């Protein structure tokens, strides 16, 4: 079986994408700078040829007969050197002194087949090139002029100057090589800097991955808190998730241990009765009694195990609808007492957790209040402002006898199974305690200043 291709890391992806963008940018920069340098060099060559052309015009003269007297010395020594010198000049026109034909050439252009033959009308200089010739590619500048002699007839001439393109190509080649070296070096430096920046920027993500690995291996309990602001929410959520899972596992283990311990007694009773050989009717009632007790134990422990605890990504649940549903049921059960239950619930109050936990929490506290109240019960709920997620404070008060202060600590601690199932503050408060611990909240019990009975306050802190 062919192994699946390995997914690139974020650093590799970012570096690859940045390298492509950088390569494209440097390529465009090279093309733009190369074209700019070439055009600048070509303009400089044209200006240089224009200077040579102006020098030839200034050095030319007309004879008394109206013929042209060409300049004796060129503006650059290469015009007077034998071909090929790289610079060439020529004049086309009639009545040129010393020329057998109507064409004059500089010594460097003598005997060469150069494009110095066309008569141009009077006007601005015309620049062309590179033009292919027997001596190589040339840039040619030509201008038609009218000179006047002593006669009334104007002397029309066309001046030509040309330069070999080799000099321009050499300059461009040197510039391109230098530009490639510098852009390549700049690209390498930028890639190294980019790699360093990516390493530094992605270091917190690598730290999260390393911390998660250490948590999985048991080398640390939670993720560190020293993370950038952008990762603080993520790491806080992961820590909450880790804590919730550990609490869940711990709760399941405790429940199984408690269940096994609780079932030992009824099982031992049934075994001893079977071993004593009692009559069938007596044994039947004993077995039924112990089976009922076992059923209560299993129901209680399963209720405790169902406590799901704080959930990092739980949907917030409104408190009022669930409270109304529970109160309607309790009013039917305790109809003879005619208890009035009043609500003081903040519309923004939300429970961030499992619906079953909310029902168990409200149900057991309200049932306890209905059980001990004489006439009145008050349920209050308000939202606790915090960070990313608001907390919740629940208060249940009754006008019953209340709970003595010296018995509160004993009431809230985890005791034996038999004590937790006693009528009154038994199994219900045990489940309430487990739920509150699972959500890392706190429960306080005191006297109600308004009703005079017990007041249970549940506070689930904001995140």
Protein backbone atom coordinates (compact mmCIF):
# COMPACT_ATOMS: atom_id res chain seq x y z
CA UNK A 1 0.00 0.00 0.00
CA UNK A 2 1.40 3.34 -1.04
CA UNK A 3 1.82 5.64 1.98
CA UNK A 4 -0.14 8.88 1.93
CA UNK A 5 1.91 11.94 1.00
CA UNK A 6 3.10 13.91 3.98
CA UNK A 7 1.28 17.20 4.48
CA UNK A 8 3.50 20.25 4.39
CA UNK A 9 3.87 22.18 7.61
CA UNK A 10 2.62 25.75 7.97
CA UNK A 11 6.20 26.97 7.92
CA UNK A 12 6.96 25.06 4.71
CA UNK A 13 3.75 26.29 3.08
CA UNK A 14 4.42 29.90 4.05
CA UNK A 15 8.05 29.70 2.94
CA UNK A 16 7.12 28.10 -0.40
CA UNK A 17 4.41 30.69 -1.08
CA UNK A 18 6.69 33.55 -0.09
CA UNK A 19 9.50 32.13 -2.25
CA UNK A 20 7.22 32.05 -5.30
CA UNK A 21 6.06 35.60 -4.68
CA UNK A 22 9.63 36.76 -4.09
CA UNK A 23 10.86 35.02 -7.25
CA UNK A 24 8.08 36.61 -9.30
CA UNK A 25 8.81 40.02 -7.80
CA UNK A 26 12.55 39.78 -8.40
CA UNK A 27 11.92 38.57 -11.96
CA UNK A 28 9.68 41.53 -12.69
CA UNK A 29 12.18 43.84 -11.01
CA UNK A 30 15.00 42.41 -13.17
CA UNK A 31 12.94 42.87 -16.34
CA UNK A 32 11.95 46.44 -15.42
CA UNK A 33 15.47 47.49 -14.42
CA UNK A 34 16.97 45.83 -17.50
CA UNK A 35 14.57 47.63 -19.82
CA UNK A 36 15.16 50.92 -18.02
CA UNK A 37 18.93 50.56 -18.29
CA UNK A 38 18.74 49.53 -21.96
CA UNK A 39 16.55 52.49 -22.85
CA UNK A 40 18.76 54.85 -20.86
CA UNK A 41 21.87 53.49 -22.63
CA UNK A 42 20.18 53.77 -26.01
CA UNK A 43 19.17 57.38 -25.27
CA UNK A 44 22.74 58.14 -24.20
CA UNK A 45 24.02 56.63 -27.46
CA UNK A 46 21.53 58.71 -29.44
CA UNK A 47 22.62 61.87 -27.61
CA UNK A 48 26.24 60.99 -28.30
CA UNK A 49 25.52 60.51 -32.01
CA UNK A 50 23.61 63.78 -32.03
CA UNK A 51 26.70 65.48 -30.61
CA UNK A 52 28.87 63.93 -33.36
CA UNK A 53 26.34 65.05 -35.98
CA UNK A 54 26.33 68.60 -34.64
CA UNK A 55 30.14 68.62 -34.66
CA UNK A 56 30.21 67.56 -38.34
CA UNK A 57 27.66 70.23 -39.18
CA UNK A 58 29.74 72.84 -37.38
CA UNK A 59 32.96 71.66 -39.03
CA UNK A 60 31.57 71.69 -42.55
CA UNK A 61 31.88 74.74 -44.84
CA UNK A 62 30.87 75.84 -48.34
CA UNK A 63 33.14 76.93 -51.13
CA UNK A 64 32.62 80.11 -53.19
CA UNK A 65 31.19 77.90 -55.87
CA UNK A 66 28.53 76.65 -53.47
CA UNK A 67 30.10 73.22 -53.01
CA UNK A 68 30.49 71.61 -49.57
CA UNK A 69 33.86 71.48 -47.90
CA UNK A 70 33.66 68.46 -45.51
CA UNK A 71 35.39 68.58 -42.13
CA UNK A 72 39.01 67.46 -42.13
CA UNK A 73 38.99 65.90 -38.63
CA UNK A 74 36.16 64.00 -36.97
CA UNK A 75 34.86 64.82 -33.49
CA UNK A 76 36.23 61.48 -32.25
CA UNK A 77 39.58 59.90 -33.28
CA UNK A 78 37.81 56.70 -34.26
CA UNK A 79 36.16 58.46 -37.19
CA UNK A 80 39.64 58.95 -38.67
CA UNK A 81 40.83 55.38 -38.07
CA UNK A 82 40.59 52.65 -40.71
CA UNK A 83 37.58 50.35 -40.61
CA UNK A 84 36.24 48.82 -38.54
CA UNK A 85 36.64 51.40 -35.78
CA UNK A 86 33.08 51.41 -34.40
CA UNK A 87 32.26 55.00 -35.41
CA UNK A 88 31.32 55.96 -38.97
CA UNK A 89 30.19 59.15 -40.72
CA UNK A 90 29.00 60.09 -44.17
CA UNK A 91 27.44 62.93 -46.17
CA UNK A 92 25.12 62.50 -49.13
CA UNK A 93 24.57 65.38 -51.57
CA UNK A 94 25.76 67.08 -54.74
CA UNK A 95 28.78 69.33 -55.15
CA UNK A 96 31.02 67.95 -52.47
CA UNK A 97 34.60 69.22 -52.81
CA UNK A 98 37.12 66.39 -53.27
CA UNK A 99 34.48 63.67 -53.80
CA UNK A 100 34.23 61.90 -57.10
CA UNK A 101 30.64 61.02 -56.36
CA UNK A 102 27.89 62.67 -54.42
CA UNK A 103 28.83 60.74 -51.30
CA UNK A 104 31.46 61.61 -48.74
CA UNK A 105 32.70 59.10 -46.15
CA UNK A 106 34.88 59.41 -43.09
CA UNK A 107 38.15 57.40 -43.19
CA UNK A 108 36.57 54.78 -40.89
CA UNK A 109 33.67 54.27 -43.35
CA UNK A 110 35.78 54.24 -46.53
CA UNK A 111 35.05 51.24 -48.74
CA UNK A 112 32.27 49.88 -46.53
CA UNK A 113 28.74 49.13 -47.59
CA UNK A 114 26.90 51.29 -45.08
CA UNK A 115 23.33 52.62 -45.15
CA UNK A 116 24.48 56.17 -45.99
CA UNK A 117 22.71 56.54 -49.36
CA UNK A 118 19.23 57.97 -48.86
CA UNK A 119 18.51 61.68 -49.20
CA UNK A 120 16.41 62.85 -46.30
CA UNK A 121 14.29 65.98 -46.41
CA UNK A 122 15.16 68.85 -44.20
CA UNK A 123 13.91 68.22 -40.68
CA UNK A 124 14.71 66.73 -37.31
CA UNK A 125 17.33 63.98 -36.84
CA UNK A 126 16.14 60.41 -37.52
CA UNK A 127 17.46 57.67 -35.23
CA UNK A 128 17.30 54.01 -36.29
CA UNK A 129 18.90 50.80 -35.17
CA UNK A 130 20.25 48.44 -34.65
CA UNK A 131 20.67 47.99 -38.43
CA UNK A 132 22.43 44.90 -39.75
CA UNK A 133 25.51 45.78 -41.92
CA UNK A 134 28.66 43.97 -43.10
CA UNK A 135 30.54 45.41 -40.11
CA UNK A 136 27.85 44.38 -37.64
CA UNK A 137 24.83 45.99 -36.13
CA UNK A 138 24.85 49.80 -36.19
CA UNK A 139 22.81 52.58 -34.63
CA UNK A 140 22.39 55.29 -37.24
CA UNK A 141 21.48 58.96 -36.82
CA UNK A 142 20.71 60.97 -39.97
CA UNK A 143 19.50 64.52 -40.63
CA UNK A 144 18.67 66.43 -43.78
CA UNK A 145 19.94 70.06 -43.86
CA UNK A 146 20.09 72.96 -46.32
CA UNK A 147 23.33 74.93 -46.51
CA UNK A 148 23.68 78.16 -48.51
CA UNK A 149 26.82 79.12 -50.45
CA UNK A 150 27.67 82.25 -52.40
CA UNK A 151 25.21 81.32 -55.11
CA UNK A 152 21.54 81.72 -54.85
CA UNK A 153 20.97 77.97 -54.92
CA UNK A 154 20.66 76.19 -51.57
CA UNK A 155 22.88 73.21 -50.95
CA UNK A 156 20.80 70.22 -49.67
CA UNK A 157 22.79 67.56 -47.78
CA UNK A 158 22.12 64.56 -45.54
CA UNK A 159 24.55 63.92 -42.69
CA UNK A 160 24.99 60.40 -41.31
CA UNK A 161 26.76 59.19 -38.15
CA UNK A 162 26.70 55.59 -36.87
CA UNK A 163 28.08 53.63 -33.95
CA UNK A 164 28.59 49.92 -33.51
CA UNK A 165 26.03 48.33 -31.16
CA UNK A 166 28.74 46.16 -29.59
CA UNK A 167 29.56 48.83 -27.01
CA UNK A 168 25.90 49.08 -25.97
CA UNK A 169 25.56 45.28 -25.80
CA UNK A 170 28.67 44.98 -23.67
CA UNK A 171 27.38 47.61 -21.27
CA UNK A 172 24.00 45.89 -21.07
CA UNK A 173 25.60 42.45 -20.56
CA UNK A 174 27.77 43.74 -17.74
CA UNK A 175 24.79 45.44 -16.16
CA UNK A 176 22.66 42.28 -16.44
CA UNK A 177 25.33 40.10 -14.84
CA UNK A 178 25.77 42.59 -12.03
CA UNK A 179 22.01 42.90 -11.59
CA UNK A 180 21.59 39.12 -11.48
CA UNK A 181 24.27 38.79 -8.83
CA UNK A 182 22.81 41.51 -6.65
CA UNK A 183 19.19 40.42 -7.05
CA UNK A 184 20.18 36.81 -6.40
CA UNK A 185 22.08 37.81 -3.28
CA UNK A 186 19.17 40.01 -2.20
CA UNK A 187 16.71 37.15 -2.78
CA UNK A 188 18.85 34.75 -0.73
CA UNK A 189 19.13 37.26 2.12
CA UNK A 190 15.39 37.94 2.02
CA UNK A 191 14.64 34.20 2.09
CA UNK A 192 16.89 33.74 5.10
CA UNK A 193 15.25 36.68 6.85
CA UNK A 194 11.83 35.34 5.92
CA UNK A 195 12.74 31.91 7.27
CA UNK A 196 13.93 33.49 10.52
CA UNK A 197 10.76 35.59 10.79
CA UNK A 198 8.55 32.54 10.12
CA UNK A 199 10.45 30.50 12.70
CA UNK A 200 9.97 33.26 15.23
CA UNK A 201 6.30 33.89 14.30
CA UNK A 202 5.32 30.20 14.36
CA UNK A 203 7.26 29.41 17.53
CA UNK A 204 4.09 29.71 19.69
CA UNK A 205 2.31 27.13 17.50
CA UNK A 206 5.24 24.75 17.85
CA UNK A 207 5.13 25.35 21.59
CA UNK A 208 1.42 24.44 21.65
CA UNK A 209 2.17 21.22 19.75
CA UNK A 210 5.06 20.35 22.09
CA UNK A 211 2.94 21.09 25.16
CA UNK A 212 0.13 18.88 23.84
CA UNK A 213 2.64 16.08 23.24
CA UNK A 214 3.96 16.48 26.79
CA UNK A 215 0.40 16.40 28.13
CA UNK A 216 -0.30 13.18 26.21
CA UNK A 217 2.89 11.62 27.56
CA UNK A 218 2.11 12.73 31.09
CA UNK A 219 5.13 15.02 31.34
CA UNK A 220 2.94 18.02 32.23
CA UNK A 221 -0.64 18.48 33.37
CA UNK A 222 -1.79 21.45 31.31
CA UNK A 223 -0.67 23.81 28.56
CA UNK A 224 1.43 26.77 29.59
CA UNK A 225 -0.23 30.18 29.86
CA UNK A 226 2.55 32.20 28.20
CA UNK A 227 1.10 32.48 24.69
CA UNK A 228 0.39 35.42 22.36
CA UNK A 229 -3.02 37.05 22.46
CA UNK A 230 -4.14 35.31 19.25
CA UNK A 231 -3.54 31.87 20.80
CA UNK A 232 -4.72 32.64 24.33
CA UNK A 233 -8.33 31.71 23.56
CA UNK A 234 -7.27 28.47 21.88
CA UNK A 235 -4.96 27.36 24.69
CA UNK A 236 -7.48 28.33 27.36
CA UNK A 237 -10.12 26.27 25.59
CA UNK A 238 -7.74 23.31 25.31
CA UNK A 239 -6.87 23.56 29.00
CA UNK A 240 -10.57 23.64 29.90
CA UNK A 241 -11.16 20.64 27.65
CA UNK A 242 -8.27 18.73 29.25
CA UNK A 243 -9.51 19.54 32.75
CA UNK A 244 -13.08 18.56 31.86
CA UNK A 245 -11.97 15.23 30.42
CA UNK A 246 -9.85 14.48 33.48
CA UNK A 247 -12.74 15.39 35.76
CA UNK A 248 -15.02 13.14 33.72
CA UNK A 249 -12.64 10.19 33.94
CA UNK A 250 -12.13 10.78 37.66
CA UNK A 251 -15.89 10.97 38.17
CA UNK A 252 -16.45 7.71 36.30
CA UNK A 253 -13.78 5.97 38.32
CA UNK A 254 -15.23 7.23 41.59
CA UNK A 255 -18.71 6.21 40.51
CA UNK A 256 -17.61 2.69 39.60
CA UNK A 257 -15.69 2.37 42.85
CA UNK A 258 -18.67 3.64 44.83
CA UNK A 259 -21.05 1.36 42.96
CA UNK A 260 -18.88 -1.69 43.58
CA UNK A 261 -18.52 -0.78 47.24
CA UNK A 262 -22.26 -0.12 47.67
CA UNK A 263 -23.31 -3.40 46.05
CA UNK A 264 -21.12 -5.48 48.35
CA UNK A 265 -23.48 -5.13 51.31
CA UNK A 266 -26.76 -6.29 49.66
CA UNK A 267 -24.90 -9.05 47.83
CA UNK A 268 -23.37 -10.22 51.11
CA UNK A 269 -26.82 -10.19 52.75
CA UNK A 270 -28.33 -12.31 49.99
CA UNK A 271 -25.42 -14.75 50.07
CA UNK A 272 -25.64 -15.17 53.83
CA UNK A 273 -29.39 -15.78 53.63
CA UNK A 274 -28.91 -18.35 50.92
CA UNK A 275 -26.28 -20.09 53.02
CA UNK A 276 -28.48 -20.15 56.15
CA UNK A 277 -31.15 -22.11 54.32
CA UNK A 278 -34.20 -19.99 55.32
CA UNK A 279 -37.64 -20.95 54.01
CA UNK A 280 -38.66 -19.80 50.56
CA UNK A 281 -41.13 -17.07 51.57
CA UNK A 282 -38.73 -15.40 53.99
CA UNK A 283 -35.87 -15.68 51.51
CA UNK A 284 -38.11 -14.21 48.81
CA UNK A 285 -38.86 -11.04 50.81
CA UNK A 286 -35.21 -10.63 51.79
CA UNK A 287 -34.08 -10.95 48.17
CA UNK A 288 -36.76 -8.49 47.02
CA UNK A 289 -35.69 -6.02 49.68
CA UNK A 290 -32.02 -6.25 48.75
CA UNK A 291 -32.80 -6.08 45.00
CA UNK A 292 -34.79 -2.89 45.62
CA UNK A 293 -31.90 -1.47 47.56
CA UNK A 294 -29.50 -2.42 44.75
CA UNK A 295 -31.84 -0.77 42.24
CA UNK A 296 -31.73 2.46 44.28
CA UNK A 297 -27.94 2.29 44.47
CA UNK A 298 -27.55 1.73 40.73
CA UNK A 299 -30.02 4.53 39.92
CA UNK A 300 -28.20 6.93 42.19
CA UNK A 301 -24.73 6.08 40.91
CA UNK A 302 -25.88 6.29 37.29
CA UNK A 303 -27.36 9.71 38.02
CA UNK A 304 -24.03 10.81 39.39
CA UNK A 305 -22.13 9.33 36.46
CA UNK A 306 -24.40 11.19 34.04
CA UNK A 307 -23.04 14.50 35.30
CA UNK A 308 -21.19 15.68 32.23
CA UNK A 309 -19.31 18.62 33.74
CA UNK A 310 -18.14 21.87 32.21
CA UNK A 311 -18.09 21.82 28.43
CA UNK A 312 -15.79 24.17 26.54
CA UNK A 313 -18.01 24.39 23.45
CA UNK A 314 -21.44 23.94 25.08
CA UNK A 315 -24.48 25.81 23.78
CA UNK A 316 -25.71 28.31 26.43
CA UNK A 317 -29.08 27.28 27.93
CA UNK A 318 -31.62 29.79 29.32
CA UNK A 319 -32.51 29.13 32.97
CA UNK A 320 -36.12 30.31 33.14
CA UNK A 321 -37.84 27.74 30.83
CA UNK A 322 -36.28 24.77 32.64
CA UNK A 323 -37.04 26.26 36.05
CA UNK A 324 -40.71 26.75 35.10
CA UNK A 325 -40.97 23.14 33.94
CA UNK A 326 -39.52 21.80 37.20
CA UNK A 327 -41.66 24.06 39.40
CA UNK A 328 -44.87 22.96 37.62
CA UNK A 329 -44.02 19.32 38.43
CA UNK A 330 -43.14 20.09 42.05
CA UNK A 331 -46.35 22.06 42.58
CA UNK A 332 -48.28 18.91 41.66
CA UNK A 333 -46.25 16.71 44.00
CA UNK A 334 -46.56 19.16 46.92
CA UNK A 335 -50.05 20.38 46.08
CA UNK A 336 -51.24 19.92 49.67
CA UNK A 337 -48.68 22.43 50.95
CA UNK A 338 -49.81 25.11 48.43
CA UNK A 339 -46.28 26.50 48.11
CA UNK A 340 -45.79 29.71 46.13
CA UNK A 341 -42.55 29.77 44.09
CA UNK A 342 -41.40 33.17 42.85
CA UNK A 343 -38.78 33.86 40.16
CA UNK A 344 -36.21 36.62 40.02
CA UNK A 345 -34.31 35.54 36.90
CA UNK A 346 -32.10 37.75 34.74
CA UNK A 347 -33.10 37.24 31.06
CA UNK A 348 -29.38 37.11 30.16
CA UNK A 349 -28.66 34.28 32.61
CA UNK A 350 -27.29 31.26 30.75
CA UNK A 351 -26.01 27.84 31.81
CA UNK A 352 -23.03 26.67 29.74
CA UNK A 353 -23.25 22.91 30.02
CA UNK A 354 -25.37 19.84 29.52
CA UNK A 355 -29.14 20.14 29.73
CA UNK A 356 -29.34 17.10 32.05
CA UNK A 357 -26.92 18.74 34.48
CA UNK A 358 -29.04 21.91 34.58
CA UNK A 359 -32.21 19.88 35.20
CA UNK A 360 -30.53 17.85 37.96
CA UNK A 361 -29.11 20.98 39.58
CA UNK A 362 -32.37 22.93 39.56
CA UNK A 363 -34.53 19.88 40.25
CA UNK A 364 -32.70 18.72 43.35
CA UNK A 365 -32.29 22.20 44.86
CA UNK A 366 -35.91 23.16 44.19
CA UNK A 367 -37.22 19.80 45.44
CA UNK A 368 -35.21 20.24 48.61
CA UNK A 369 -36.66 23.74 49.03
CA UNK A 370 -40.25 22.53 48.39
CA UNK A 371 -39.73 19.67 50.83
CA UNK A 372 -38.75 21.92 53.72
CA UNK A 373 -40.62 25.14 52.88
CA UNK A 374 -43.81 26.17 54.67
CA UNK A 375 -45.31 28.53 52.10
CA UNK A 376 -42.71 30.33 49.97
CA UNK A 377 -39.74 29.51 47.74
CA UNK A 378 -37.72 32.06 45.74
CA UNK A 379 -35.45 31.20 42.80
CA UNK A 380 -33.00 33.91 41.67
CA UNK A 381 -30.57 33.74 38.76
CA UNK A 382 -28.18 36.32 37.43
CA UNK A 383 -25.36 36.46 34.91
CA UNK A 384 -21.77 36.94 36.06
CA UNK A 385 -19.76 39.08 33.66
CA UNK A 386 -16.33 37.78 32.74
CA UNK A 387 -14.10 37.13 29.74
CA UNK A 388 -15.18 35.06 26.77
CA UNK A 389 -18.11 33.42 28.56
CA UNK A 390 -20.35 34.76 31.33
CA UNK A 391 -20.85 32.84 34.55
CA UNK A 392 -24.04 32.03 36.45
CA UNK A 393 -25.24 32.51 40.02
CA UNK A 394 -28.30 30.58 41.25
CA UNK A 395 -29.98 31.23 44.60
CA UNK A 396 -32.79 29.08 46.05
CA UNK A 397 -34.41 30.31 49.29
CA UNK A 398 -37.24 28.89 51.39
CA UNK A 399 -39.14 29.81 54.55
CA UNK A 400 -38.48 26.46 56.23
CA UNK A 401 -36.54 25.75 59.43
CA UNK A 402 -33.15 26.38 57.80
CA UNK A 403 -29.90 24.53 58.41
CA UNK A 404 -27.82 25.12 61.52
CA UNK A 405 -24.42 26.56 60.79
CA UNK A 406 -22.60 23.76 62.59
CA UNK A 407 -24.23 21.17 60.32
CA UNK A 408 -23.48 22.89 56.99
CA UNK A 409 -19.94 21.51 56.70
CA UNK A 410 -21.11 17.97 57.41
CA UNK A 411 -23.97 18.38 54.94
CA UNK A 412 -21.66 19.39 52.08
CA UNK A 413 -18.95 16.79 52.56
CA UNK A 414 -18.98 13.43 50.84
CA UNK A 415 -20.23 10.82 53.29
CA UNK A 416 -21.43 7.25 53.37
CA UNK A 417 -24.05 6.03 50.94
CA UNK A 418 -26.64 5.41 53.61
CA UNK A 419 -26.43 8.97 54.91
CA UNK A 420 -26.81 10.38 51.39
CA UNK A 421 -30.10 8.56 50.88
CA UNK A 422 -31.75 9.83 54.07
CA UNK A 423 -35.03 11.72 53.58
CA UNK A 424 -34.22 15.42 53.31
CA UNK A 425 -30.63 16.42 52.53
CA UNK A 426 -29.59 13.10 51.00
CA UNK A 427 -29.14 11.85 47.48
CA UNK A 428 -30.31 15.11 45.91
CA UNK A 429 -27.67 17.25 47.59
CA UNK A 430 -25.05 14.62 46.84
CA UNK A 431 -25.81 14.90 43.12
CA UNK A 432 -25.81 18.70 43.40
CA UNK A 433 -22.36 18.60 44.99
CA UNK A 434 -21.01 16.36 42.22
CA UNK A 435 -22.42 18.61 39.48
CA UNK A 436 -20.98 21.75 41.03
CA UNK A 437 -17.57 20.11 41.47
CA UNK A 438 -17.67 18.93 37.86
CA UNK A 439 -18.25 22.52 36.72
CA UNK A 440 -15.60 23.82 39.13
CA UNK A 441 -18.15 25.98 40.87
CA UNK A 442 -18.91 26.59 44.53
CA UNK A 443 -21.93 26.05 46.77
CA UNK A 444 -22.68 28.01 49.92
CA UNK A 445 -25.46 27.33 52.41
CA UNK A 446 -26.72 29.91 54.92
CA UNK A 447 -29.92 31.53 56.22
CA UNK A 448 -32.18 33.53 53.92
CA UNK A 449 -32.35 37.15 55.13
CA UNK A 450 -35.79 37.63 53.51
CA UNK A 451 -37.60 34.30 54.11
CA UNK A 452 -35.74 33.12 57.19
CA UNK A 453 -35.16 29.57 55.97
CA UNK A 454 -32.25 27.98 54.11
CA UNK A 455 -30.52 29.69 51.22
CA UNK A 456 -28.48 27.66 48.71
CA UNK A 457 -26.21 29.73 46.45
CA UNK A 458 -24.51 28.12 43.43
CA UNK A 459 -21.84 30.17 41.70
CA UNK A 460 -20.33 29.06 38.38
CA UNK A 461 -17.52 31.44 37.56
CA UNK A 462 -17.11 33.17 34.20
CA UNK A 463 -14.37 32.14 31.76
